[in-house]
Amino acid sequence: MGASYYSSGGYLFPPSNPLSAQGCSNAEATERSLASTPGSNSSPSSPPIVLSIAGYDPSAGAGVLADLKTFAAVGVYGMACITALTVQSTQGVRRVVGVDTGIVIETLDCLAEDACFSSIKVGMLAYVTIAQAVADWLGQRQEIPVVLDPIIKSSSGKDLLESDGLDVLRDAWLPRADWITPNLAELAILTETAVPTTGPETEEAAHRLQQMAAQRGNAELKIVVTGGHADAPNDLLLMGNECLWYPGERIHTTSTHGTGCAFSSALAARIALGDEAMTAVKAAKEYVTGALRYSYPLGNGKGPLNHFWQSTFV
């Protein structure tokens, strides 16, 4: 079941959750578990912290800005490490400039020295050096659940990952990620197969990706294939030998920028809140569906989702 919430000034926060101490020392975990609860005379306990490692979209429809909005909407506290700057708007991406790899790792070290992450969402990595360095950094923190959104190209067709970065995704990220959330096109690129057009083809490609992860030492990888670009926007969860389909609803809107970012971020947030796998996927899909349904026109291209559609004050 999903986590319960309490209200504070119009915003929603989860109660104290032992899972929010994943990645912390035993002393820190104990301190969190003893944190005061709502209704006591002390301050309320802190929400889980979720870290986004992703690119910067100045239009705020995707990337770390969208991730942080999603985290807040779902009820966790978001932090971010920017991997790349983009020149883009709702009309598309014009330019991508990766952040210095040393700065990325220094930022991650700085944040990790100060905070305990309940989960980590990884999006755009841009450069081979960044992709490898971040994978190595996370390899030293196996206790933290990692959700990888394998961003390869923008919806407008701009490359968001160097071509050599695909090998890094396969060889360094498949062994480390706990979750991966490719869309149909990304699944085809990662598995070097045709883009699936039917349910059986999607399941076959997902099993192939699962086998690739197992061959690299990660037989526990959970795969969610998002089907928003298909005629029937159904999502597939492959977990172990079980394929679970989540039927979708086609929402007719032009505000579709950043749907993959929102889904993977909502999934990471739900994991941080303690949801089981199937519940987390269901909640993430429902969140994105609502964000599409209640989206509004903004800009002259593909507008953003309404990340705060569940809030009465938006």
C-alpha atoms as a PDB file:
ATOM      1  CA  MET A   1       0.000   0.000   0.000  1.00  0.00           C
ATOM      2  CA  GLY A   2       1.081   3.599  -0.585  1.00  0.00           C
ATOM      3  CA  ALA A   3       2.314   5.847   2.190  1.00  0.00           C
ATOM      4  CA  SER A   4      -0.042   8.080   4.170  1.00  0.00           C
ATOM      5  CA  TYR A   5       0.464  11.837   4.318  1.00  0.00           C
ATOM      6  CA  TYR A   6      -0.146  14.715   6.671  1.00  0.00           C
ATOM      7  CA  SER A   7      -0.739  18.320   5.710  1.00  0.00           C
ATOM      8  CA  SER A   8       1.465  21.262   6.608  1.00  0.00           C
ATOM      9  CA  GLY A   9       0.558  24.654   5.209  1.00  0.00           C
ATOM     10  CA  GLY A  10      -1.134  23.168   2.144  1.00  0.00           C
ATOM     11  CA  TYR A  11       1.719  20.826   1.259  1.00  0.00           C
ATOM     12  CA  LEU A  12       1.773  17.081   1.775  1.00  0.00           C
ATOM     13  CA  PHE A  13       4.539  15.288   3.670  1.00  0.00           C
ATOM     14  CA  PRO A  14       4.933  11.604   4.499  1.00  0.00           C
ATOM     15  CA  PRO A  15       5.283  10.518   8.115  1.00  0.00           C
ATOM     16  CA  SER A  16       8.566   9.150   9.418  1.00  0.00           C
ATOM     17  CA  ASN A  17       9.682   6.221   7.265  1.00  0.00           C
ATOM     18  CA  PRO A  18      12.606   3.929   8.181  1.00  0.00           C
ATOM     19  CA  LEU A  19      13.304   3.449   4.461  1.00  0.00           C
ATOM     20  CA  SER A  20      14.331   7.097   4.276  1.00  0.00           C
ATOM     21  CA  ALA A  21      17.529   6.117   6.055  1.00  0.00           C
ATOM     22  CA  GLN A  22      18.768   3.776   3.325  1.00  0.00           C
ATOM     23  CA  GLY A  23      22.399   4.501   2.650  1.00  0.00           C
ATOM     24  CA  CYS A  24      22.936   6.039   6.116  1.00  0.00           C
ATOM     25  CA  SER A  25      24.867   4.713   9.060  1.00  0.00           C
ATOM     26  CA  ASN A  26      23.045   2.723  11.720  1.00  0.00           C
ATOM     27  CA  ALA A  27      23.239   5.690  14.086  1.00  0.00           C
ATOM     28  CA  GLU A  28      21.620   7.995  11.550  1.00  0.00           C
ATOM     29  CA  ALA A  29      18.954   5.418  10.749  1.00  0.00           C
ATOM     30  CA  THR A  30      18.134   5.078  14.432  1.00  0.00           C
ATOM     31  CA  GLU A  31      17.938   8.831  14.827  1.00  0.00           C
ATOM     32  CA  ARG A  32      15.465   9.040  11.963  1.00  0.00           C
ATOM     33  CA  SER A  33      13.337   6.210  13.278  1.00  0.00           C
ATOM     34  CA  LEU A  34      13.035   8.076  16.586  1.00  0.00           C
ATOM     35  CA  ALA A  35      12.066  11.317  14.871  1.00  0.00           C
ATOM     36  CA  SER A  36       8.940  12.956  16.181  1.00  0.00           C
ATOM     37  CA  THR A  37       5.606  12.194  14.537  1.00  0.00           C
ATOM     38  CA  PRO A  38       2.870  14.595  13.400  1.00  0.00           C
ATOM     39  CA  GLY A  39       0.820  15.916  16.303  1.00  0.00           C
ATOM     40  CA  SER A  40       3.684  15.876  18.812  1.00  0.00           C
ATOM     41  CA  ASN A  41       5.135  18.974  20.425  1.00  0.00           C
ATOM     42  CA  SER A  42       8.372  18.585  18.443  1.00  0.00           C
ATOM     43  CA  SER A  43       9.059  19.424  14.823  1.00  0.00           C
ATOM     44  CA  PRO A  44       7.707  16.972  12.242  1.00  0.00           C
ATOM     45  CA  SER A  45      10.077  14.379  10.835  1.00  0.00           C
ATOM     46  CA  SER A  46      11.857  14.974   7.552  1.00  0.00           C
ATOM     47  CA  PRO A  47      10.602  13.456   4.294  1.00  0.00           C
ATOM     48  CA  PRO A  48      12.792  10.970   2.392  1.00  0.00           C
ATOM     49  CA  ILE A  49      15.453  12.537   0.187  1.00  0.00           C
ATOM     50  CA  VAL A  50      15.627  11.589  -3.495  1.00  0.00           C
ATOM     51  CA  LEU A  51      18.547  12.669  -5.673  1.00  0.00           C
ATOM     52  CA  SER A  52      18.220  13.469  -9.377  1.00  0.00           C
ATOM     53  CA  ILE A  53      21.331  13.148 -11.531  1.00  0.00           C
ATOM     54  CA  ALA A  54      20.297  14.614 -14.857  1.00  0.00           C
ATOM     55  CA  GLY A  55      20.510  17.471 -17.340  1.00  0.00           C
ATOM     56  CA  TYR A  56      19.174  21.014 -17.085  1.00  0.00           C
ATOM     57  CA  ASP A  57      16.205  22.009 -19.259  1.00  0.00           C
ATOM     58  CA  PRO A  58      15.655  25.779 -18.966  1.00  0.00           C
ATOM     59  CA  SER A  59      12.010  25.389 -20.011  1.00  0.00           C
ATOM     60  CA  ALA A  60      11.537  23.189 -16.902  1.00  0.00           C
ATOM     61  CA  GLY A  61       9.555  20.544 -18.752  1.00  0.00           C
ATOM     62  CA  ALA A  62      12.201  17.854 -18.360  1.00  0.00           C
ATOM     63  CA  GLY A  63      15.527  17.271 -16.620  1.00  0.00           C
ATOM     64  CA  VAL A  64      16.314  18.172 -13.026  1.00  0.00           C
ATOM     65  CA  LEU A  65      13.765  20.981 -12.802  1.00  0.00           C
ATOM     66  CA  ALA A  66      10.942  18.620 -13.770  1.00  0.00           C
ATOM     67  CA  ASP A  67      12.366  15.951 -11.461  1.00  0.00           C
ATOM     68  CA  LEU A  68      12.353  18.312  -8.498  1.00  0.00           C
ATOM     69  CA  LYS A  69       8.764  19.334  -9.218  1.00  0.00           C
ATOM     70  CA  THR A  70       7.748  15.688  -9.397  1.00  0.00           C
ATOM     71  CA  PHE A  71       9.538  14.858  -6.150  1.00  0.00           C
ATOM     72  CA  ALA A  72       7.748  17.696  -4.375  1.00  0.00           C
ATOM     73  CA  ALA A  73       4.385  16.691  -5.815  1.00  0.00           C
ATOM     74  CA  VAL A  74       4.767  13.087  -4.712  1.00  0.00           C
ATOM     75  CA  GLY A  75       5.908  14.013  -1.228  1.00  0.00           C
ATOM     76  CA  VAL A  76       9.685  13.626  -0.993  1.00  0.00           C
ATOM     77  CA  TYR A  77      12.517  16.149  -0.754  1.00  0.00           C
ATOM     78  CA  GLY A  78      14.534  16.470  -3.941  1.00  0.00           C
ATOM     79  CA  MET A  79      18.200  17.257  -4.466  1.00  0.00           C
ATOM     80  CA  ALA A  80      19.944  17.447  -7.833  1.00  0.00           C
ATOM     81  CA  CYS A  81      23.290  17.111  -9.564  1.00  0.00           C
ATOM     82  CA  ILE A  82      23.353  18.625 -13.045  1.00  0.00           C
ATOM     83  CA  THR A  83      25.241  16.638 -15.686  1.00  0.00           C
ATOM     84  CA  ALA A  84      24.660  18.863 -18.706  1.00  0.00           C
ATOM     85  CA  LEU A  85      23.302  22.241 -19.716  1.00  0.00           C
ATOM     86  CA  THR A  86      20.978  22.446 -22.689  1.00  0.00           C
ATOM     87  CA  VAL A  87      19.809  25.287 -24.854  1.00  0.00           C
ATOM     88  CA  GLN A  88      16.178  24.375 -25.415  1.00  0.00           C
ATOM     89  CA  SER A  89      12.571  25.424 -25.171  1.00  0.00           C
ATOM     90  CA  THR A  90       9.249  23.709 -25.760  1.00  0.00           C
ATOM     91  CA  GLN A  91      10.184  23.789 -29.453  1.00  0.00           C
ATOM     92  CA  GLY A  92      13.215  21.535 -29.126  1.00  0.00           C
ATOM     93  CA  VAL A  93      16.861  21.199 -28.126  1.00  0.00           C
ATOM     94  CA  ARG A  94      19.404  23.427 -29.866  1.00  0.00           C
ATOM     95  CA  ARG A  95      22.618  22.624 -28.011  1.00  0.00           C
ATOM     96  CA  VAL A  96      24.002  20.353 -25.293  1.00  0.00           C
ATOM     97  CA  VAL A  97      27.083  21.094 -23.175  1.00  0.00           C
ATOM     98  CA  GLY A  98      28.182  18.567 -20.580  1.00  0.00           C
ATOM     99  CA  VAL A  99      29.317  19.696 -17.139  1.00  0.00           C
ATOM    100  CA  ASP A 100      32.936  18.947 -16.269  1.00  0.00           C
ATOM    101  CA  THR A 101      33.102  15.375 -14.991  1.00  0.00           C
ATOM    102  CA  GLY A 102      35.149  16.423 -11.968  1.00  0.00           C
ATOM    103  CA  ILE A 103      32.482  18.960 -10.978  1.00  0.00           C
ATOM    104  CA  VAL A 104      29.765  16.304 -11.286  1.00  0.00           C
ATOM    105  CA  ILE A 105      31.579  13.899  -8.964  1.00  0.00           C
ATOM    106  CA  GLU A 106      32.558  16.687  -6.568  1.00  0.00           C
ATOM    107  CA  THR A 107      28.891  17.690  -6.370  1.00  0.00           C
ATOM    108  CA  LEU A 108      27.820  14.122  -5.678  1.00  0.00           C
ATOM    109  CA  ASP A 109      30.461  13.731  -2.979  1.00  0.00           C
ATOM    110  CA  CYS A 110      29.434  17.021  -1.377  1.00  0.00           C
ATOM    111  CA  LEU A 111      25.757  16.053  -1.261  1.00  0.00           C
ATOM    112  CA  ALA A 112      26.468  12.513  -0.041  1.00  0.00           C
ATOM    113  CA  GLU A 113      28.541  13.852   2.841  1.00  0.00           C
ATOM    114  CA  ASP A 114      25.561  15.867   4.011  1.00  0.00           C
ATOM    115  CA  ALA A 115      22.440  13.833   3.179  1.00  0.00           C
ATOM    116  CA  CYS A 116      21.151  10.264   3.092  1.00  0.00           C
ATOM    117  CA  PHE A 117      19.395   9.353  -0.139  1.00  0.00           C
ATOM    118  CA  SER A 118      16.407   7.030  -0.059  1.00  0.00           C
ATOM    119  CA  SER A 119      16.635   6.547  -3.830  1.00  0.00           C
ATOM    120  CA  ILE A 120      18.400   8.062  -6.829  1.00  0.00           C
ATOM    121  CA  LYS A 121      16.945   8.841 -10.246  1.00  0.00           C
ATOM    122  CA  VAL A 122      19.422   9.089 -13.130  1.00  0.00           C
ATOM    123  CA  GLY A 123      18.520  10.746 -16.413  1.00  0.00           C
ATOM    124  CA  MET A 124      20.607  12.491 -19.043  1.00  0.00           C
ATOM    125  CA  LEU A 125      24.329  11.727 -18.784  1.00  0.00           C
ATOM    126  CA  ALA A 126      25.461  13.377 -22.050  1.00  0.00           C
ATOM    127  CA  TYR A 127      29.138  12.364 -22.190  1.00  0.00           C
ATOM    128  CA  VAL A 128      30.877   9.016 -21.973  1.00  0.00           C
ATOM    129  CA  THR A 129      33.151  10.291 -19.212  1.00  0.00           C
ATOM    130  CA  ILE A 130      30.195  11.459 -17.107  1.00  0.00           C
ATOM    131  CA  ALA A 131      28.257   8.241 -17.667  1.00  0.00           C
ATOM    132  CA  GLN A 132      31.214   6.105 -16.587  1.00  0.00           C
ATOM    133  CA  ALA A 133      32.206   8.269 -13.627  1.00  0.00           C
ATOM    134  CA  VAL A 134      28.675   8.404 -12.199  1.00  0.00           C
ATOM    135  CA  ALA A 135      28.270   4.638 -12.647  1.00  0.00           C
ATOM    136  CA  ASP A 136      31.532   4.119 -10.756  1.00  0.00           C
ATOM    137  CA  TRP A 137      30.384   6.497  -8.010  1.00  0.00           C
ATOM    138  CA  LEU A 138      27.100   4.654  -7.600  1.00  0.00           C
ATOM    139  CA  GLY A 139      28.939   1.339  -7.667  1.00  0.00           C
ATOM    140  CA  GLN A 140      30.331   2.272  -4.256  1.00  0.00           C
ATOM    141  CA  ARG A 141      26.809   2.839  -2.926  1.00  0.00           C
ATOM    142  CA  GLN A 142      25.021  -0.392  -3.714  1.00  0.00           C
ATOM    143  CA  GLU A 143      22.587   0.051  -0.829  1.00  0.00           C
ATOM    144  CA  ILE A 144      20.750   2.954  -2.513  1.00  0.00           C
ATOM    145  CA  PRO A 145      18.013   2.047  -5.055  1.00  0.00           C
ATOM    146  CA  VAL A 146      18.780   3.531  -8.467  1.00  0.00           C
ATOM    147  CA  VAL A 147      16.202   4.239 -11.177  1.00  0.00           C
ATOM    148  CA  LEU A 148      17.800   4.758 -14.601  1.00  0.00           C
ATOM    149  CA  ASP A 149      15.894   6.628 -17.288  1.00  0.00           C
ATOM    150  CA  PRO A 150      18.154   5.838 -20.277  1.00  0.00           C
ATOM    151  CA  ILE A 151      17.911   9.149 -22.117  1.00  0.00           C
ATOM    152  CA  ILE A 152      19.519   8.831 -25.536  1.00  0.00           C
ATOM    153  CA  LYS A 153      17.729  11.312 -27.797  1.00  0.00           C
ATOM    154  CA  SER A 154      15.349  14.197 -27.273  1.00  0.00           C
ATOM    155  CA  SER A 155      11.813  13.960 -28.620  1.00  0.00           C
ATOM    156  CA  SER A 156      12.920  16.454 -31.285  1.00  0.00           C
ATOM    157  CA  GLY A 157      15.711  14.091 -32.393  1.00  0.00           C
ATOM    158  CA  LYS A 158      18.755  15.736 -30.774  1.00  0.00           C
ATOM    159  CA  ASP A 159      21.406  13.363 -29.406  1.00  0.00           C
ATOM    160  CA  LEU A 160      21.550  13.611 -25.610  1.00  0.00           C
ATOM    161  CA  LEU A 161      24.204  10.928 -25.165  1.00  0.00           C
ATOM    162  CA  GLU A 162      27.411  10.423 -27.111  1.00  0.00           C
ATOM    163  CA  SER A 163      27.261   7.369 -29.360  1.00  0.00           C
ATOM    164  CA  ASP A 164      29.974   5.591 -27.340  1.00  0.00           C
ATOM    165  CA  GLY A 165      27.830   6.153 -24.282  1.00  0.00           C
ATOM    166  CA  LEU A 166      25.536   3.314 -25.328  1.00  0.00           C
ATOM    167  CA  ASP A 167      28.277   0.830 -24.476  1.00  0.00           C
ATOM    168  CA  VAL A 168      28.605   2.469 -21.064  1.00  0.00           C
ATOM    169  CA  LEU A 169      24.858   2.143 -20.489  1.00  0.00           C
ATOM    170  CA  ARG A 170      25.043  -1.550 -21.339  1.00  0.00           C
ATOM    171  CA  ASP A 171      28.304  -2.439 -19.597  1.00  0.00           C
ATOM    172  CA  ALA A 172      28.366  -0.084 -16.589  1.00  0.00           C
ATOM    173  CA  TRP A 173      24.738   0.802 -15.933  1.00  0.00           C
ATOM    174  CA  LEU A 174      22.918  -2.471 -16.501  1.00  0.00           C
ATOM    175  CA  PRO A 175      25.033  -4.045 -13.726  1.00  0.00           C
ATOM    176  CA  ARG A 176      24.303  -1.172 -11.289  1.00  0.00           C
ATOM    177  CA  ALA A 177      20.737  -0.002 -11.846  1.00  0.00           C
ATOM    178  CA  ASP A 178      17.940  -1.498  -9.794  1.00  0.00           C
ATOM    179  CA  TRP A 179      15.328  -0.171 -12.208  1.00  0.00           C
ATOM    180  CA  ILE A 180      15.436   0.950 -15.843  1.00  0.00           C
ATOM    181  CA  THR A 181      12.569   2.777 -17.587  1.00  0.00           C
ATOM    182  CA  PRO A 182      13.132   2.855 -21.372  1.00  0.00           C
ATOM    183  CA  ASN A 183      10.461   3.872 -23.822  1.00  0.00           C
ATOM    184  CA  LEU A 184       9.952   1.681 -26.874  1.00  0.00           C
ATOM    185  CA  ALA A 185      12.579   3.478 -28.967  1.00  0.00           C
ATOM    186  CA  GLU A 186      15.178   3.394 -26.172  1.00  0.00           C
ATOM    187  CA  LEU A 187      14.480  -0.299 -25.580  1.00  0.00           C
ATOM    188  CA  ALA A 188      15.153  -0.972 -29.258  1.00  0.00           C
ATOM    189  CA  ILE A 189      18.428   0.974 -29.198  1.00  0.00           C
ATOM    190  CA  LEU A 190      19.699  -0.722 -26.047  1.00  0.00           C
ATOM    191  CA  THR A 191      18.858  -4.212 -27.311  1.00  0.00           C
ATOM    192  CA  GLU A 192      19.789  -3.481 -30.945  1.00  0.00           C
ATOM    193  CA  THR A 193      16.419  -4.702 -32.172  1.00  0.00           C
ATOM    194  CA  ALA A 194      13.522  -3.169 -34.082  1.00  0.00           C
ATOM    195  CA  VAL A 195      11.131  -0.890 -32.219  1.00  0.00           C
ATOM    196  CA  PRO A 196       8.391  -3.132 -30.766  1.00  0.00           C
ATOM    197  CA  THR A 197       4.911  -2.572 -32.169  1.00  0.00           C
ATOM    198  CA  THR A 198       2.990  -5.270 -30.303  1.00  0.00           C
ATOM    199  CA  GLY A 199       2.759  -6.539 -26.748  1.00  0.00           C
ATOM    200  CA  PRO A 200       4.603  -9.811 -27.475  1.00  0.00           C
ATOM    201  CA  GLU A 201       7.388  -7.918 -29.256  1.00  0.00           C
ATOM    202  CA  THR A 202       7.734  -5.588 -26.274  1.00  0.00           C
ATOM    203  CA  GLU A 203       7.947  -8.528 -23.882  1.00  0.00           C
ATOM    204  CA  GLU A 204      10.557 -10.220 -26.069  1.00  0.00           C
ATOM    205  CA  ALA A 205      12.731  -7.092 -26.193  1.00  0.00           C
ATOM    206  CA  ALA A 206      12.357  -6.564 -22.440  1.00  0.00           C
ATOM    207  CA  HIS A 207      13.454 -10.148 -21.791  1.00  0.00           C
ATOM    208  CA  ARG A 208      16.460  -9.539 -24.032  1.00  0.00           C
ATOM    209  CA  LEU A 209      17.424  -6.493 -21.968  1.00  0.00           C
ATOM    210  CA  GLN A 210      16.943  -8.518 -18.809  1.00  0.00           C
ATOM    211  CA  GLN A 211      19.268 -11.207 -20.170  1.00  0.00           C
ATOM    212  CA  MET A 212      21.860  -8.565 -21.037  1.00  0.00           C
ATOM    213  CA  ALA A 213      21.754  -7.341 -17.435  1.00  0.00           C
ATOM    214  CA  ALA A 214      22.004 -10.896 -16.080  1.00  0.00           C
ATOM    215  CA  GLN A 215      25.042 -11.575 -18.248  1.00  0.00           C
ATOM    216  CA  ARG A 216      26.640  -8.547 -16.588  1.00  0.00           C
ATOM    217  CA  GLY A 217      25.877  -9.787 -13.085  1.00  0.00           C
ATOM    218  CA  ASN A 218      22.503  -8.150 -12.432  1.00  0.00           C
ATOM    219  CA  ALA A 219      19.724 -10.720 -12.623  1.00  0.00           C
ATOM    220  CA  GLU A 220      17.494  -8.598 -10.362  1.00  0.00           C
ATOM    221  CA  LEU A 221      17.043  -5.639 -12.707  1.00  0.00           C
ATOM    222  CA  LYS A 222      13.427  -4.459 -12.862  1.00  0.00           C
ATOM    223  CA  ILE A 223      12.391  -3.140 -16.257  1.00  0.00           C
ATOM    224  CA  VAL A 224       9.498  -0.806 -16.957  1.00  0.00           C
ATOM    225  CA  VAL A 225       8.878  -0.196 -20.652  1.00  0.00           C
ATOM    226  CA  THR A 226       6.789   2.944 -21.045  1.00  0.00           C
ATOM    227  CA  GLY A 227       4.403   2.805 -23.975  1.00  0.00           C
ATOM    228  CA  GLY A 228       3.306   6.396 -24.228  1.00  0.00           C
ATOM    229  CA  HIS A 229       4.374   6.598 -27.875  1.00  0.00           C
ATOM    230  CA  ALA A 230       2.342   3.527 -28.862  1.00  0.00           C
ATOM    231  CA  ASP A 231      -1.265   3.558 -30.085  1.00  0.00           C
ATOM    232  CA  ALA A 232      -2.248   1.942 -26.784  1.00  0.00           C
ATOM    233  CA  PRO A 233      -0.180   3.671 -24.066  1.00  0.00           C
ATOM    234  CA  ASN A 234       0.305   0.590 -21.911  1.00  0.00           C
ATOM    235  CA  ASP A 235       3.368   0.089 -19.713  1.00  0.00           C
ATOM    236  CA  LEU A 236       5.135  -3.220 -19.093  1.00  0.00           C
ATOM    237  CA  LEU A 237       6.820  -4.232 -15.856  1.00  0.00           C
ATOM    238  CA  LEU A 238       9.222  -7.150 -16.198  1.00  0.00           C
ATOM    239  CA  MET A 239      10.282  -8.403 -12.791  1.00  0.00           C
ATOM    240  CA  GLY A 240      11.939 -11.804 -12.633  1.00  0.00           C
ATOM    241  CA  ASN A 241       9.946 -14.103 -14.896  1.00  0.00           C
ATOM    242  CA  GLU A 242       6.727 -12.143 -14.529  1.00  0.00           C
ATOM    243  CA  CYS A 243       5.369  -9.678 -17.085  1.00  0.00           C
ATOM    244  CA  LEU A 244       2.762  -7.272 -15.736  1.00  0.00           C
ATOM    245  CA  TRP A 245       0.890  -4.863 -17.986  1.00  0.00           C
ATOM    246  CA  TYR A 246      -0.490  -1.519 -16.817  1.00  0.00           C
ATOM    247  CA  PRO A 247      -3.226  -0.347 -19.208  1.00  0.00           C
ATOM    248  CA  GLY A 248      -2.975   3.288 -20.176  1.00  0.00           C
ATOM    249  CA  GLU A 249      -5.345   5.984 -21.323  1.00  0.00           C
ATOM    250  CA  ARG A 250      -4.669   8.138 -24.373  1.00  0.00           C
ATOM    251  CA  ILE A 251      -4.774  11.773 -23.277  1.00  0.00           C
ATOM    252  CA  HIS A 252      -5.139  14.161 -26.202  1.00  0.00           C
ATOM    253  CA  THR A 253      -2.784  17.027 -25.439  1.00  0.00           C
ATOM    254  CA  THR A 254       0.260  18.719 -26.944  1.00  0.00           C
ATOM    255  CA  SER A 255       1.788  19.128 -23.475  1.00  0.00           C
ATOM    256  CA  THR A 256       3.818  15.928 -23.480  1.00  0.00           C
ATOM    257  CA  HIS A 257       7.342  17.220 -22.887  1.00  0.00           C
ATOM    258  CA  GLY A 258       9.100  15.327 -20.094  1.00  0.00           C
ATOM    259  CA  THR A 259       6.719  12.412 -19.592  1.00  0.00           C
ATOM    260  CA  GLY A 260       9.609   9.955 -19.220  1.00  0.00           C
ATOM    261  CA  CYS A 261      11.344  12.178 -16.691  1.00  0.00           C
ATOM    262  CA  ALA A 262       8.159  12.510 -14.672  1.00  0.00           C
ATOM    263  CA  PHE A 263       7.488   8.774 -14.673  1.00  0.00           C
ATOM    264  CA  SER A 264      10.980   7.744 -13.578  1.00  0.00           C
ATOM    265  CA  SER A 265      11.072  10.486 -10.930  1.00  0.00           C
ATOM    266  CA  ALA A 266       7.656   9.533  -9.576  1.00  0.00           C
ATOM    267  CA  LEU A 267       8.794   5.908  -9.497  1.00  0.00           C
ATOM    268  CA  ALA A 268      11.953   6.824  -7.555  1.00  0.00           C
ATOM    269  CA  ALA A 269       9.875   8.878  -5.139  1.00  0.00           C
ATOM    270  CA  ARG A 270       7.385   6.083  -4.535  1.00  0.00           C
ATOM    271  CA  ILE A 271      10.258   3.659  -3.895  1.00  0.00           C
ATOM    272  CA  ALA A 272      11.678   6.132  -1.380  1.00  0.00           C
ATOM    273  CA  LEU A 273       8.295   6.232   0.340  1.00  0.00           C
ATOM    274  CA  GLY A 274       8.403   2.463   0.765  1.00  0.00           C
ATOM    275  CA  ASP A 275       6.101   1.212  -1.993  1.00  0.00           C
ATOM    276  CA  GLU A 276       6.472  -2.331  -3.273  1.00  0.00           C
ATOM    277  CA  ALA A 277       7.459  -2.631  -6.936  1.00  0.00           C
ATOM    278  CA  MET A 278       4.005  -3.162  -8.457  1.00  0.00           C
ATOM    279  CA  THR A 279       2.448  -0.438  -6.318  1.00  0.00           C
ATOM    280  CA  ALA A 280       5.231   2.020  -7.171  1.00  0.00           C
ATOM    281  CA  VAL A 281       4.769   1.499 -10.927  1.00  0.00           C
ATOM    282  CA  LYS A 282       0.995   1.875 -10.658  1.00  0.00           C
ATOM    283  CA  ALA A 283       1.323   5.081  -8.650  1.00  0.00           C
ATOM    284  CA  ALA A 284       3.905   6.538 -11.043  1.00  0.00           C
ATOM    285  CA  LYS A 285       1.718   5.803 -14.059  1.00  0.00           C
ATOM    286  CA  GLU A 286      -1.335   7.333 -12.385  1.00  0.00           C
ATOM    287  CA  TYR A 287       0.695  10.424 -11.528  1.00  0.00           C
ATOM    288  CA  VAL A 288       1.837  10.949 -15.142  1.00  0.00           C
ATOM    289  CA  THR A 289      -1.650  10.282 -16.509  1.00  0.00           C
ATOM    290  CA  GLY A 290      -3.066  12.974 -14.248  1.00  0.00           C
ATOM    291  CA  ALA A 291      -0.250  15.376 -15.127  1.00  0.00           C
ATOM    292  CA  LEU A 292      -1.119  14.915 -18.806  1.00  0.00           C
ATOM    293  CA  ARG A 293      -4.870  15.183 -18.281  1.00  0.00           C
ATOM    294  CA  TYR A 294      -4.594  18.450 -16.377  1.00  0.00           C
ATOM    295  CA  SER A 295      -1.759  19.952 -18.427  1.00  0.00           C
ATOM    296  CA  TYR A 296      -2.109  23.404 -19.950  1.00  0.00           C
ATOM    297  CA  PRO A 297      -0.776  25.043 -23.139  1.00  0.00           C
ATOM    298  CA  LEU A 298       2.568  26.757 -22.608  1.00  0.00           C
ATOM    299  CA  GLY A 299       5.050  27.884 -25.255  1.00  0.00           C
ATOM    300  CA  ASN A 300       4.852  27.265 -28.982  1.00  0.00           C
ATOM    301  CA  GLY A 301       5.930  23.620 -29.014  1.00  0.00           C
ATOM    302  CA  LYS A 302       5.390  20.576 -26.808  1.00  0.00           C
ATOM    303  CA  GLY A 303       4.479  22.042 -23.466  1.00  0.00           C
ATOM    304  CA  PRO A 304       5.235  20.642 -19.993  1.00  0.00           C
ATOM    305  CA  LEU A 305       3.048  18.457 -17.831  1.00  0.00           C
ATOM    306  CA  ASN A 306       1.112  19.860 -14.903  1.00  0.00           C
ATOM    307  CA  HIS A 307       3.365  18.389 -12.229  1.00  0.00           C
ATOM    308  CA  PHE A 308       1.225  19.737  -9.384  1.00  0.00           C
ATOM    309  CA  TRP A 309      -2.137  18.580 -10.718  1.00  0.00           C
ATOM    310  CA  GLN A 310      -2.996  16.937  -7.400  1.00  0.00           C
ATOM    311  CA  SER A 311      -2.553  20.155  -5.422  1.00  0.00           C
ATOM    312  CA  THR A 312      -5.531  22.369  -4.701  1.00  0.00           C
ATOM    313  CA  PHE A 313      -3.345  25.458  -4.633  1.00  0.00           C
ATOM    314  CA  VAL A 314      -2.234  25.142  -8.282  1.00  0.00           C
END
